[in-house]
């Protein structure tokens, strides 16, 4: 997964450095990661959205809207990861034999 994050980050940075449009289709082509994966994987989508949001002037309504959308996506990705980790902890704790405190 980390490899995909690095690939998407590098592709977006390259496009931004050359002043080119950053779209899911172009990033998919450069990274050889399907557009579906880019859209569904919240971490990958957040990277593309972040680079795309730099296109907008953040002082405009559309720029603020794009930034809020990006932050919402990033926050949802973090919340999903926290929920997943909490579930793993509960599962591990339920497998542990109960110990008596002395």
PDB file of N, CA and C in Angstrom:
ATOM      1  N   UNK A   1       0.827  -1.200   0.000  1.00  0.00           N
ATOM      2  CA  UNK A   1       0.000   0.000   0.000  1.00  0.00           C
ATOM      3  C   UNK A   1       0.861   1.248   0.000  1.00  0.00           C
ATOM      4  N   UNK A   2       1.940   1.226   0.784  1.00  0.00           N
ATOM      5  CA  UNK A   2       2.820   2.388   0.846  1.00  0.00           C
ATOM      6  C   UNK A   2       3.395   2.696  -0.520  1.00  0.00           C
ATOM      7  N   UNK A   3       3.668   1.648  -1.303  1.00  0.00           N
ATOM      8  CA  UNK A   3       4.189   1.858  -2.654  1.00  0.00           C
ATOM      9  C   UNK A   3       3.204   2.655  -3.492  1.00  0.00           C
ATOM     10  N   UNK A   4       1.911   2.327  -3.394  1.00  0.00           N
ATOM     11  CA  UNK A   4       0.896   3.056  -4.152  1.00  0.00           C
ATOM     12  C   UNK A   4       0.822   4.513  -3.711  1.00  0.00           C
ATOM     13  N   UNK A   5       0.937   4.744  -2.418  1.00  0.00           N
ATOM     14  CA  UNK A   5       0.909   6.119  -1.905  1.00  0.00           C
ATOM     15  C   UNK A   5       2.078   6.898  -2.478  1.00  0.00           C
ATOM     16  N   UNK A   6       3.262   6.284  -2.471  1.00  0.00           N
ATOM     17  CA  UNK A   6       4.453   6.948  -3.013  1.00  0.00           C
ATOM     18  C   UNK A   6       4.307   7.215  -4.507  1.00  0.00           C
ATOM     19  N   UNK A   7       3.751   6.252  -5.237  1.00  0.00           N
ATOM     20  CA  UNK A   7       3.556   6.429  -6.677  1.00  0.00           C
ATOM     21  C   UNK A   7       2.603   7.580  -6.978  1.00  0.00           C
ATOM     22  N   UNK A   8       1.488   7.617  -6.269  1.00  0.00           N
ATOM     23  CA  UNK A   8       0.489   8.658  -6.495  1.00  0.00           C
ATOM     24  C   UNK A   8       1.054  10.022  -6.114  1.00  0.00           C
ATOM     25  N   UNK A   9       1.754  10.072  -4.997  1.00  0.00           N
ATOM     26  CA  UNK A   9       2.378  11.329  -4.553  1.00  0.00           C
ATOM     27  C   UNK A   9       3.361  11.835  -5.608  1.00  0.00           C
ATOM     28  N   UNK A  10       4.206  10.948  -6.110  1.00  0.00           N
ATOM     29  CA  UNK A  10       5.214  11.333  -7.105  1.00  0.00           C
ATOM     30  C   UNK A  10       4.563  11.795  -8.411  1.00  0.00           C
ATOM     31  N   UNK A  11       3.528  11.090  -8.843  1.00  0.00           N
ATOM     32  CA  UNK A  11       2.849  11.462 -10.087  1.00  0.00           C
ATOM     33  C   UNK A  11       2.186  12.826  -9.965  1.00  0.00           C
ATOM     34  N   UNK A  12       1.525  13.061  -8.848  1.00  0.00           N
ATOM     35  CA  UNK A  12       0.861  14.352  -8.632  1.00  0.00           C
ATOM     36  C   UNK A  12       1.880  15.480  -8.550  1.00  0.00           C
ATOM     37  N   UNK A  13       2.988  15.228  -7.859  1.00  0.00           N
ATOM     38  CA  UNK A  13       4.032  16.252  -7.729  1.00  0.00           C
ATOM     39  C   UNK A  13       4.626  16.589  -9.092  1.00  0.00           C
ATOM     40  N   UNK A  14       4.842  15.566  -9.900  1.00  0.00           N
ATOM     41  CA  UNK A  14       5.392  15.787 -11.248  1.00  0.00           C
ATOM     42  C   UNK A  14       4.427  16.616 -12.099  1.00  0.00           C
ATOM     43  N   UNK A  15       3.156  16.264 -12.063  1.00  0.00           N
ATOM     44  CA  UNK A  15       2.165  17.018 -12.826  1.00  0.00           C
ATOM     45  C   UNK A  15       2.103  18.469 -12.350  1.00  0.00           C
ATOM     46  N   UNK A  16       2.107  18.661 -11.044  1.00  0.00           N
ATOM     47  CA  UNK A  16       2.045  20.014 -10.482  1.00  0.00           C
ATOM     48  C   UNK A  16       3.282  20.822 -10.866  1.00  0.00           C
ATOM     49  N   UNK A  17       4.452  20.189 -10.812  1.00  0.00           N
ATOM     50  CA  UNK A  17       5.695  20.882 -11.162  1.00  0.00           C
ATOM     51  C   UNK A  17       5.701  21.363 -12.612  1.00  0.00           C
ATOM     52  N   UNK A  18       5.032  20.611 -13.477  1.00  0.00           N
ATOM     53  CA  UNK A  18       4.982  20.968 -14.892  1.00  0.00           C
ATOM     54  C   UNK A  18       3.740  21.779 -15.249  1.00  0.00           C
ATOM     55  N   UNK A  19       2.953  22.131 -14.240  1.00  0.00           N
ATOM     56  CA  UNK A  19       1.767  22.956 -14.482  1.00  0.00           C
ATOM     57  C   UNK A  19       0.669  22.239 -15.244  1.00  0.00           C
ATOM     58  N   UNK A  20       0.665  20.920 -15.188  1.00  0.00           N
ATOM     59  CA  UNK A  20      -0.332  20.140 -15.915  1.00  0.00           C
ATOM     60  C   UNK A  20      -1.542  19.875 -15.033  1.00  0.00           C
ATOM     61  N   UNK A  21      -2.654  19.575 -15.684  1.00  0.00           N
ATOM     62  CA  UNK A  21      -3.875  19.238 -14.959  1.00  0.00           C
ATOM     63  C   UNK A  21      -3.667  17.950 -14.175  1.00  0.00           C
ATOM     64  N   UNK A  22      -4.247  17.930 -13.006  1.00  0.00           N
ATOM     65  CA  UNK A  22      -4.171  16.734 -12.168  1.00  0.00           C
ATOM     66  C   UNK A  22      -5.566  16.136 -12.128  1.00  0.00           C
ATOM     67  N   UNK A  23      -5.724  15.032 -12.831  1.00  0.00           N
ATOM     68  CA  UNK A  23      -7.004  14.341 -12.866  1.00  0.00           C
ATOM     69  C   UNK A  23      -6.779  12.894 -12.457  1.00  0.00           C
ATOM     70  N   UNK A  24      -7.855  12.251 -12.060  1.00  0.00           N
ATOM     71  CA  UNK A  24      -7.743  10.842 -11.677  1.00  0.00           C
ATOM     72  C   UNK A  24      -7.323   9.990 -12.870  1.00  0.00           C
ATOM     73  N   UNK A  25      -7.808  10.338 -14.055  1.00  0.00           N
ATOM     74  CA  UNK A  25      -7.450   9.573 -15.254  1.00  0.00           C
ATOM     75  C   UNK A  25      -5.956   9.674 -15.547  1.00  0.00           C
ATOM     76  N   UNK A  26      -5.408  10.877 -15.460  1.00  0.00           N
ATOM     77  CA  UNK A  26      -3.979  11.064 -15.741  1.00  0.00           C
ATOM     78  C   UNK A  26      -3.132  10.385 -14.670  1.00  0.00           C
ATOM     79  N   UNK A  27      -3.508  10.534 -13.416  1.00  0.00           N
ATOM     80  CA  UNK A  27      -2.748   9.895 -12.333  1.00  0.00           C
ATOM     81  C   UNK A  27      -2.813   8.374 -12.483  1.00  0.00           C
ATOM     82  N   UNK A  28      -3.982   7.853 -12.841  1.00  0.00           N
ATOM     83  CA  UNK A  28      -4.123   6.406 -13.056  1.00  0.00           C
ATOM     84  C   UNK A  28      -3.200   5.933 -14.174  1.00  0.00           C
ATOM     85  N   UNK A  29      -3.135   6.710 -15.250  1.00  0.00           N
ATOM     86  CA  UNK A  29      -2.284   6.340 -16.373  1.00  0.00           C
ATOM     87  C   UNK A  29      -0.804   6.361 -15.983  1.00  0.00           C
ATOM     88  N   UNK A  30      -0.392   7.395 -15.265  1.00  0.00           N
ATOM     89  CA  UNK A  30       1.014   7.517 -14.873  1.00  0.00           C
ATOM     90  C   UNK A  30       1.441   6.444 -13.869  1.00  0.00           C
ATOM     91  N   UNK A  31       0.553   6.097 -12.956  1.00  0.00           N
ATOM     92  CA  UNK A  31       0.902   5.150 -11.892  1.00  0.00           C
ATOM     93  C   UNK A  31       0.550   3.706 -12.221  1.00  0.00           C
ATOM     94  N   UNK A  32      -0.282   3.533 -13.247  1.00  0.00           N
ATOM     95  CA  UNK A  32      -0.809   2.197 -13.598  1.00  0.00           C
ATOM     96  C   UNK A  32      -1.654   1.610 -12.479  1.00  0.00           C
ATOM     97  N   UNK A  33      -2.303   2.521 -11.746  1.00  0.00           N
ATOM     98  CA  UNK A  33      -3.268   2.136 -10.718  1.00  0.00           C
ATOM     99  C   UNK A  33      -4.632   2.502 -11.278  1.00  0.00           C
ATOM    100  N   UNK A  34      -5.595   1.619 -11.164  1.00  0.00           N
ATOM    101  CA  UNK A  34      -6.900   1.886 -11.771  1.00  0.00           C
ATOM    102  C   UNK A  34      -7.566   3.111 -11.139  1.00  0.00           C
ATOM    103  N   UNK A  35      -8.370   3.794 -11.959  1.00  0.00           N
ATOM    104  CA  UNK A  35      -9.112   4.947 -11.447  1.00  0.00           C
ATOM    105  C   UNK A  35     -10.030   4.519 -10.314  1.00  0.00           C
ATOM    106  N   UNK A  36     -10.612   3.330 -10.432  1.00  0.00           N
ATOM    107  CA  UNK A  36     -11.496   2.826  -9.387  1.00  0.00           C
ATOM    108  C   UNK A  36     -10.756   2.756  -8.052  1.00  0.00           C
ATOM    109  N   UNK A  37      -9.537   2.231  -8.080  1.00  0.00           N
ATOM    110  CA  UNK A  37      -8.737   2.147  -6.864  1.00  0.00           C
ATOM    111  C   UNK A  37      -8.424   3.535  -6.324  1.00  0.00           C
ATOM    112  N   UNK A  38      -8.090   4.461  -7.216  1.00  0.00           N
ATOM    113  CA  UNK A  38      -7.795   5.827  -6.785  1.00  0.00           C
ATOM    114  C   UNK A  38      -9.010   6.470  -6.123  1.00  0.00           C
ATOM    115  N   UNK A  39     -10.187   6.210  -6.663  1.00  0.00           N
ATOM    116  CA  UNK A  39     -11.409   6.777  -6.082  1.00  0.00           C
ATOM    117  C   UNK A  39     -11.794   6.091  -4.771  1.00  0.00           C
ATOM    118  N   UNK A  40     -11.670   4.779  -4.713  1.00  0.00           N
ATOM    119  CA  UNK A  40     -12.159   4.032  -3.551  1.00  0.00           C
ATOM    120  C   UNK A  40     -11.211   4.065  -2.364  1.00  0.00           C
ATOM    121  N   UNK A  41      -9.907   4.085  -2.625  1.00  0.00           N
ATOM    122  CA  UNK A  41      -8.937   4.119  -1.535  1.00  0.00           C
ATOM    123  C   UNK A  41      -8.858   5.554  -1.019  1.00  0.00           C
ATOM    124  N   UNK A  42      -9.303   5.763   0.199  1.00  0.00           N
ATOM    125  CA  UNK A  42      -9.412   7.122   0.721  1.00  0.00           C
ATOM    126  C   UNK A  42      -8.068   7.820   0.841  1.00  0.00           C
ATOM    127  N   UNK A  43      -7.013   7.094   1.128  1.00  0.00           N
ATOM    128  CA  UNK A  43      -5.696   7.717   1.234  1.00  0.00           C
ATOM    129  C   UNK A  43      -5.217   8.203  -0.136  1.00  0.00           C
ATOM    130  N   UNK A  44      -5.386   7.357  -1.141  1.00  0.00           N
ATOM    131  CA  UNK A  44      -4.964   7.741  -2.490  1.00  0.00           C
ATOM    132  C   UNK A  44      -5.812   8.894  -3.014  1.00  0.00           C
ATOM    133  N   UNK A  45      -7.105   8.807  -2.769  1.00  0.00           N
ATOM    134  CA  UNK A  45      -8.008   9.871  -3.213  1.00  0.00           C
ATOM    135  C   UNK A  45      -7.657  11.201  -2.538  1.00  0.00           C
ATOM    136  N   UNK A  46      -7.310  11.147  -1.257  1.00  0.00           N
ATOM    137  CA  UNK A  46      -6.956  12.369  -0.529  1.00  0.00           C
ATOM    138  C   UNK A  46      -5.709  13.022  -1.125  1.00  0.00           C
ATOM    139  N   UNK A  47      -4.748  12.226  -1.554  1.00  0.00           N
ATOM    140  CA  UNK A  47      -3.535  12.777  -2.165  1.00  0.00           C
ATOM    141  C   UNK A  47      -3.882  13.511  -3.452  1.00  0.00           C
ATOM    142  N   UNK A  48      -4.652  12.847  -4.317  1.00  0.00           N
ATOM    143  CA  UNK A  48      -5.032  13.480  -5.589  1.00  0.00           C
ATOM    144  C   UNK A  48      -5.846  14.741  -5.318  1.00  0.00           C
ATOM    145  N   UNK A  49      -6.800  14.645  -4.416  1.00  0.00           N
ATOM    146  CA  UNK A  49      -7.628  15.816  -4.083  1.00  0.00           C
ATOM    147  C   UNK A  49      -6.790  16.961  -3.535  1.00  0.00           C
ATOM    148  N   UNK A  50      -5.792  16.638  -2.731  1.00  0.00           N
ATOM    149  CA  UNK A  50      -4.916  17.677  -2.162  1.00  0.00           C
ATOM    150  C   UNK A  50      -4.202  18.434  -3.275  1.00  0.00           C
ATOM    151  N   UNK A  51      -3.617  17.708  -4.204  1.00  0.00           N
ATOM    152  CA  UNK A  51      -2.919  18.368  -5.297  1.00  0.00           C
ATOM    153  C   UNK A  51      -3.889  19.139  -6.186  1.00  0.00           C
ATOM    154  N   UNK A  52      -5.061  18.582  -6.382  1.00  0.00           N
ATOM    155  CA  UNK A  52      -6.060  19.282  -7.203  1.00  0.00           C
ATOM    156  C   UNK A  52      -6.529  20.562  -6.521  1.00  0.00           C
ATOM    157  N   UNK A  53      -6.589  20.562  -5.205  1.00  0.00           N
ATOM    158  CA  UNK A  53      -7.076  21.741  -4.492  1.00  0.00           C
ATOM    159  C   UNK A  53      -6.097  22.906  -4.595  1.00  0.00           C
ATOM    160  N   UNK A  54      -4.827  22.616  -4.862  1.00  0.00           N
ATOM    161  CA  UNK A  54      -3.849  23.696  -5.013  1.00  0.00           C
ATOM    162  C   UNK A  54      -4.101  24.510  -6.280  1.00  0.00           C
ATOM    163  N   UNK A  55      -4.874  23.955  -7.181  1.00  0.00           N
ATOM    164  CA  UNK A  55      -5.207  24.666  -8.414  1.00  0.00           C
ATOM    165  C   UNK A  55      -6.082  25.875  -8.095  1.00  0.00           C
ATOM    166  N   UNK A  56      -6.925  25.728  -7.096  1.00  0.00           N
ATOM    167  CA  UNK A  56      -7.864  26.784  -6.732  1.00  0.00           C
ATOM    168  C   UNK A  56      -7.205  27.800  -5.806  1.00  0.00           C
ATOM    169  N   UNK A  57      -7.601  29.030  -5.932  1.00  0.00           N
ATOM    170  CA  UNK A  57      -7.161  30.054  -4.988  1.00  0.00           C
ATOM    171  C   UNK A  57      -7.967  29.844  -3.713  1.00  0.00           C
ATOM    172  N   UNK A  58      -7.292  29.633  -2.595  1.00  0.00           N
ATOM    173  CA  UNK A  58      -7.979  29.291  -1.354  1.00  0.00           C
ATOM    174  C   UNK A  58      -8.799  30.443  -0.796  1.00  0.00           C
ATOM    175  N   UNK A  59      -8.624  31.650  -1.322  1.00  0.00           N
ATOM    176  CA  UNK A  59      -9.409  32.777  -0.828  1.00  0.00           C
ATOM    177  C   UNK A  59     -10.761  32.870  -1.519  1.00  0.00           C
ATOM    178  N   UNK A  60     -10.980  32.052  -2.527  1.00  0.00           N
ATOM    179  CA  UNK A  60     -12.270  32.069  -3.218  1.00  0.00           C
ATOM    180  C   UNK A  60     -13.191  31.045  -2.589  1.00  0.00           C
ATOM    181  N   UNK A  61     -14.464  31.193  -2.855  1.00  0.00           N
ATOM    182  CA  UNK A  61     -15.441  30.253  -2.326  1.00  0.00           C
ATOM    183  C   UNK A  61     -15.174  28.841  -2.855  1.00  0.00           C
ATOM    184  N   UNK A  62     -14.847  28.728  -4.128  1.00  0.00           N
ATOM    185  CA  UNK A  62     -14.573  27.395  -4.683  1.00  0.00           C
ATOM    186  C   UNK A  62     -13.297  26.810  -4.089  1.00  0.00           C
ATOM    187  N   UNK A  63     -12.307  27.659  -3.806  1.00  0.00           N
ATOM    188  CA  UNK A  63     -11.078  27.180  -3.178  1.00  0.00           C
ATOM    189  C   UNK A  63     -11.321  26.675  -1.768  1.00  0.00           C
ATOM    190  N   UNK A  64     -12.121  27.418  -1.016  1.00  0.00           N
ATOM    191  CA  UNK A  64     -12.467  26.981   0.336  1.00  0.00           C
ATOM    192  C   UNK A  64     -13.288  25.704   0.308  1.00  0.00           C
ATOM    193  N   UNK A  65     -14.200  25.631  -0.643  1.00  0.00           N
ATOM    194  CA  UNK A  65     -15.025  24.434  -0.778  1.00  0.00           C
ATOM    195  C   UNK A  65     -14.162  23.211  -1.102  1.00  0.00           C
ATOM    196  N   UNK A  66     -13.198  23.390  -1.995  1.00  0.00           N
ATOM    197  CA  UNK A  66     -12.297  22.281  -2.354  1.00  0.00           C
ATOM    198  C   UNK A  66     -11.466  21.853  -1.155  1.00  0.00           C
ATOM    199  N   UNK A  67     -10.988  22.823  -0.376  1.00  0.00           N
ATOM    200  CA  UNK A  67     -10.184  22.483   0.792  1.00  0.00           C
ATOM    201  C   UNK A  67     -11.018  21.771   1.849  1.00  0.00           C
ATOM    202  N   UNK A  68     -12.237  22.219   2.072  1.00  0.00           N
ATOM    203  CA  UNK A  68     -13.128  21.559   3.030  1.00  0.00           C
ATOM    204  C   UNK A  68     -13.409  20.130   2.584  1.00  0.00           C
ATOM    205  N   UNK A  69     -13.645  19.955   1.294  1.00  0.00           N
ATOM    206  CA  UNK A  69     -13.897  18.616   0.765  1.00  0.00           C
ATOM    207  C   UNK A  69     -12.687  17.714   0.994  1.00  0.00           C
ATOM    208  N   UNK A  70     -11.503  18.258   0.735  1.00  0.00           N
ATOM    209  CA  UNK A  70     -10.279  17.476   0.946  1.00  0.00           C
ATOM    210  C   UNK A  70     -10.121  17.120   2.428  1.00  0.00           C
ATOM    211  N   UNK A  71     -10.331  18.091   3.292  1.00  0.00           N
ATOM    212  CA  UNK A  71     -10.184  17.839   4.728  1.00  0.00           C
ATOM    213  C   UNK A  71     -11.200  16.815   5.212  1.00  0.00           C
ATOM    214  N   UNK A  72     -12.410  16.880   4.682  1.00  0.00           N
ATOM    215  CA  UNK A  72     -13.442  15.908   5.054  1.00  0.00           C
ATOM    216  C   UNK A  72     -13.009  14.505   4.638  1.00  0.00           C
ATOM    217  N   UNK A  73     -12.478  14.369   3.427  1.00  0.00           N
ATOM    218  CA  UNK A  73     -12.025  13.066   2.932  1.00  0.00           C
ATOM    219  C   UNK A  73     -10.876  12.531   3.788  1.00  0.00           C
ATOM    220  N   UNK A  74      -9.933  13.413   4.108  1.00  0.00           N
ATOM    221  CA  UNK A  74      -8.795  12.998   4.934  1.00  0.00           C
ATOM    222  C   UNK A  74      -9.254  12.590   6.331  1.00  0.00           C
ATOM    223  N   UNK A  75     -10.170  13.357   6.896  1.00  0.00           N
ATOM    224  CA  UNK A  75     -10.683  13.044   8.228  1.00  0.00           C
ATOM    225  C   UNK A  75     -11.451  11.724   8.232  1.00  0.00           C
ATOM    226  N   UNK A  76     -12.220  11.470   7.189  1.00  0.00           N
ATOM    227  CA  UNK A  76     -12.947  10.200   7.087  1.00  0.00           C
ATOM    228  C   UNK A  76     -11.962   9.035   6.997  1.00  0.00           C
ATOM    229  N   UNK A  77     -10.861   9.222   6.264  1.00  0.00           N
ATOM    230  CA  UNK A  77      -9.848   8.165   6.155  1.00  0.00           C
ATOM    231  C   UNK A  77      -9.226   7.879   7.518  1.00  0.00           C
ATOM    232  N   UNK A  78      -8.943   8.933   8.268  1.00  0.00           N
ATOM    233  CA  UNK A  78      -8.364   8.763   9.603  1.00  0.00           C
ATOM    234  C   UNK A  78      -9.364   8.086  10.535  1.00  0.00           C
ATOM    235  N   UNK A  79     -10.616   8.519  10.479  1.00  0.00           N
ATOM    236  CA  UNK A  79     -11.652   7.927  11.337  1.00  0.00           C
ATOM    237  C   UNK A  79     -11.828   6.443  11.021  1.00  0.00           C
ATOM    238  N   UNK A  80     -11.810   6.081   9.736  1.00  0.00           N
ATOM    239  CA  UNK A  80     -11.928   4.673   9.352  1.00  0.00           C
ATOM    240  C   UNK A  80     -10.754   3.866   9.907  1.00  0.00           C
ATOM    241  N   UNK A  81      -9.579   4.435   9.831  1.00  0.00           N
ATOM    242  CA  UNK A  81      -8.394   3.735  10.335  1.00  0.00           C
ATOM    243  C   UNK A  81      -8.471   3.562  11.853  1.00  0.00           C
ATOM    244  N   UNK A  82      -8.920   4.574  12.559  1.00  0.00           N
ATOM    245  CA  UNK A  82      -9.065   4.479  14.017  1.00  0.00           C
ATOM    246  C   UNK A  82     -10.092   3.413  14.366  1.00  0.00           C
ATOM    247  N   UNK A  83     -11.242   3.409  13.664  1.00  0.00           N
ATOM    248  CA  UNK A  83     -12.262   2.384  13.924  1.00  0.00           C
ATOM    249  C   UNK A  83     -11.694   0.990  13.701  1.00  0.00           C
ATOM    250  N   UNK A  84     -10.940   0.829  12.631  1.00  0.00           N
ATOM    251  CA  UNK A  84     -10.344  -0.471  12.321  1.00  0.00           C
ATOM    252  C   UNK A  84      -9.384  -0.900  13.437  1.00  0.00           C
ATOM    253  N   UNK A  85      -8.559   0.018  13.901  1.00  0.00           N
ATOM    254  CA  UNK A  85      -7.610  -0.304  14.963  1.00  0.00           C
ATOM    255  C   UNK A  85      -8.338  -0.618  16.272  1.00  0.00           C
ATOM    256  N   UNK A  86      -9.403   0.110  16.566  1.00  0.00           N
ATOM    257  CA  UNK A  86     -10.187  -0.175  17.773  1.00  0.00           C
ATOM    258  C   UNK A  86     -10.798  -1.565  17.704  1.00  0.00           C
ATOM    259  N   UNK A  87     -11.296  -1.953  16.532  1.00  0.00           N
ATOM    260  CA  UNK A  87     -11.862  -3.290  16.353  1.00  0.00           C
ATOM    261  C   UNK A  87     -10.796  -4.354  16.582  1.00  0.00           C
ATOM    262  N   UNK A  88      -9.595  -4.119  16.062  1.00  0.00           N
ATOM    263  CA  UNK A  88      -8.501  -5.074  16.252  1.00  0.00           C
ATOM    264  C   UNK A  88      -8.141  -5.198  17.724  1.00  0.00           C
ATOM    265  N   UNK A  89      -8.099  -4.072  18.425  1.00  0.00           N
ATOM    266  CA  UNK A  89      -7.796  -4.108  19.859  1.00  0.00           C
ATOM    267  C   UNK A  89      -8.845  -4.897  20.632  1.00  0.00           C
ATOM    268  N   UNK A  90     -10.126  -4.643  20.331  1.00  0.00           N
ATOM    269  CA  UNK A  90     -11.195  -5.388  21.013  1.00  0.00           C
ATOM    270  C   UNK A  90     -11.070  -6.878  20.751  1.00  0.00           C
ATOM    271  N   UNK A  91     -10.766  -7.239  19.526  1.00  0.00           N
ATOM    272  CA  UNK A  91     -10.610  -8.651  19.179  1.00  0.00           C
ATOM    273  C   UNK A  91      -9.433  -9.261  19.931  1.00  0.00           C
ATOM    274  N   UNK A  92      -8.316  -8.567  19.965  1.00  0.00           N
ATOM    275  CA  UNK A  92      -7.153  -9.077  20.687  1.00  0.00           C
ATOM    276  C   UNK A  92      -7.423  -9.186  22.175  1.00  0.00           C
ATOM    277  N   UNK A  93      -8.096  -8.201  22.740  1.00  0.00           N
ATOM    278  CA  UNK A  93      -8.416  -8.241  24.163  1.00  0.00           C
ATOM    279  C   UNK A  93      -9.380  -9.377  24.489  1.00  0.00           C
ATOM    280  N   UNK A  94     -10.289  -9.675  23.592  1.00  0.00           N
ATOM    281  CA  UNK A  94     -11.245 -10.756  23.850  1.00  0.00           C
ATOM    282  C   UNK A  94     -10.563 -12.128  23.785  1.00  0.00           C
ATOM    283  N   UNK A  95      -9.459 -12.224  23.088  1.00  0.00           N
ATOM    284  CA  UNK A  95      -8.727 -13.487  22.995  1.00  0.00           C
ATOM    285  C   UNK A  95      -7.796 -13.714  24.176  1.00  0.00           C
ATOM    286  N   UNK A  96      -7.468 -12.669  24.904  1.00  0.00           N
ATOM    287  CA  UNK A  96      -6.569 -12.771  26.048  1.00  0.00           C
ATOM    288  C   UNK A  96      -7.299 -13.416  27.211  1.00  0.00           C
ATOM    289  N   UNK A  97      -6.642 -14.362  27.890  1.00  0.00           N
ATOM    290  CA  UNK A  97      -7.277 -14.919  29.090  1.00  0.00           C
ATOM    291  C   UNK A  97      -7.324 -13.833  30.157  1.00  0.00           C
ATOM    292  N   UNK A  98      -8.399 -13.821  30.908  1.00  0.00           N
ATOM    293  CA  UNK A  98      -8.551 -12.821  31.964  1.00  0.00           C
ATOM    294  C   UNK A  98      -7.595 -13.154  33.106  1.00  0.00           C
ATOM    295  N   UNK A  99      -6.866 -12.155  33.559  1.00  0.00           N
ATOM    296  CA  UNK A  99      -5.926 -12.336  34.654  1.00  0.00           C
ATOM    297  C   UNK A  99      -6.472 -11.654  35.886  1.00  0.00           C
ATOM    298  N   UNK A 100      -6.258 -12.277  36.998  1.00  0.00           N
ATOM    299  CA  UNK A 100      -6.695 -11.697  38.256  1.00  0.00           C
ATOM    300  C   UNK A 100      -5.602 -10.794  38.797  1.00  0.00           C
ATOM    301  N   UNK A 101      -6.018  -9.660  39.306  1.00  0.00           N
ATOM    302  CA  UNK A 101      -5.049  -8.740  39.926  1.00  0.00           C
ATOM    303  C   UNK A 101      -4.728  -9.255  41.319  1.00  0.00           C
ATOM    304  N   UNK A 102      -3.481  -9.289  41.678  1.00  0.00           N
ATOM    305  CA  UNK A 102      -3.058  -9.769  43.005  1.00  0.00           C
ATOM    306  C   UNK A 102      -2.865  -8.634  43.944  1.00  0.00           C
TER     307      UNK A 102
END
